[in-house]
Structures are given as structure tokens and as C-alpha cells.
Amino acid sequence: MTHKFTIGAQVYFAPGFTGVAARGLYTVVRRLPVENDNKVIYRIKSAAETFERTAEEHQLSRTQ
């Protein structure tokens, strides 16, 4: 498994039905190591928030 997004990339975050996080534009801050469950995970940050979030790759999409 490899990461699809690079550090600094602008992405659209859609947390899914159970997520309480805000959908919208985020910046990839860090790519986390792929562990035994093969989930590709990122640390992302929104300009509107003071903290980072963790997101799985399937929750992110490229922006135009």
C-alpha cells in the first residue's frame, strides 16, 4: 500500500455518515505509516480549526 496524497496537498474531506467532523477543504500535514490492517492514514488540517485530524485515504478526494 502506498499513499496517494503528498504532504501539502489540498484535499476534500468527507468523514461519512457517522463522522462529526466538518466536511470541506483540508491540507495534508503528515502521512502515517501503513500498519498491519493496510489502512492508509493521513493527518489533515483545516484553516478553520486549530487542531489536526486523522483521516483514512478513502475519506479524501482531490480538489480542483
Protein backbone atom coordinates (compact mmCIF):
# COMPACT_ATOMS: atom_id res chain seq x y z
CA MET A 1 0.00 0.00 0.00
CA THR A 2 1.27 3.46 -0.88
CA HIS A 3 -0.03 6.93 -0.12
CA LYS A 4 -1.99 8.68 -2.86
CA PHE A 5 -1.64 12.25 -1.50
CA THR A 6 1.54 14.21 -0.79
CA ILE A 7 2.30 16.43 2.17
CA GLY A 8 0.93 19.91 1.49
CA ALA A 9 -1.76 18.66 -0.91
CA GLN A 10 -5.21 20.26 -0.70
CA VAL A 11 -7.91 17.60 -0.27
CA TYR A 12 -11.65 17.43 0.30
CA PHE A 13 -12.54 15.55 3.48
CA ALA A 14 -15.86 13.65 3.68
CA PRO A 15 -16.00 11.85 7.05
CA GLY A 16 -19.00 9.64 6.25
CA PHE A 17 -22.36 9.23 7.92
CA THR A 18 -21.16 8.80 11.49
CA GLY A 19 -18.46 11.44 11.42
CA VAL A 20 -18.96 14.61 13.42
CA ALA A 21 -16.08 16.35 11.65
CA ALA A 22 -16.77 19.14 9.21
CA ARG A 23 -16.63 18.29 5.52
CA GLY A 24 -14.52 20.59 3.45
CA LEU A 25 -11.05 21.57 2.34
CA TYR A 26 -8.05 20.39 4.34
CA THR A 27 -4.28 20.28 3.88
CA VAL A 28 -2.32 17.05 4.27
CA VAL A 29 0.10 17.63 7.14
CA ARG A 30 1.60 14.15 7.52
CA ARG A 31 1.37 10.66 6.04
CA LEU A 32 1.21 7.99 8.73
CA PRO A 33 2.87 4.58 8.34
CA VAL A 34 0.73 1.81 6.86
CA GLU A 35 0.18 -0.77 9.58
CA ASN A 36 -0.94 -4.41 9.56
CA ASP A 37 -4.55 -3.54 8.70
CA ASN A 38 -3.38 -1.89 5.42
CA LYS A 39 -5.26 1.35 6.14
CA VAL A 40 -3.64 4.38 4.55
CA ILE A 41 -4.00 7.22 7.04
CA TYR A 42 -3.14 10.93 6.99
CA ARG A 43 -3.04 13.83 9.43
CA ILE A 44 -5.01 16.72 7.92
CA LYS A 45 -5.67 20.31 8.98
CA SER A 46 -8.35 22.82 8.11
CA ALA A 47 -7.63 26.55 8.13
CA ALA A 48 -10.83 26.96 10.18
CA GLU A 49 -9.62 24.69 13.02
CA THR A 50 -6.72 24.94 15.47
CA PHE A 51 -6.05 21.19 15.55
CA GLU A 52 -5.21 18.33 13.19
CA ARG A 53 -7.47 15.39 12.37
CA THR A 54 -6.75 11.82 11.34
CA ALA A 55 -8.38 10.66 8.10
CA GLU A 56 -8.32 7.45 6.11
CA GLU A 57 -7.48 7.74 2.42
CA HIS A 58 -10.97 6.67 1.28
CA GLN A 59 -12.39 9.74 3.09
CA LEU A 60 -10.27 12.12 1.00
CA SER A 61 -10.51 13.23 -2.61
CA ARG A 62 -8.51 15.59 -4.82
CA THR A 63 -9.62 19.19 -5.17
CA GLN A 64 -9.84 21.04 -8.48
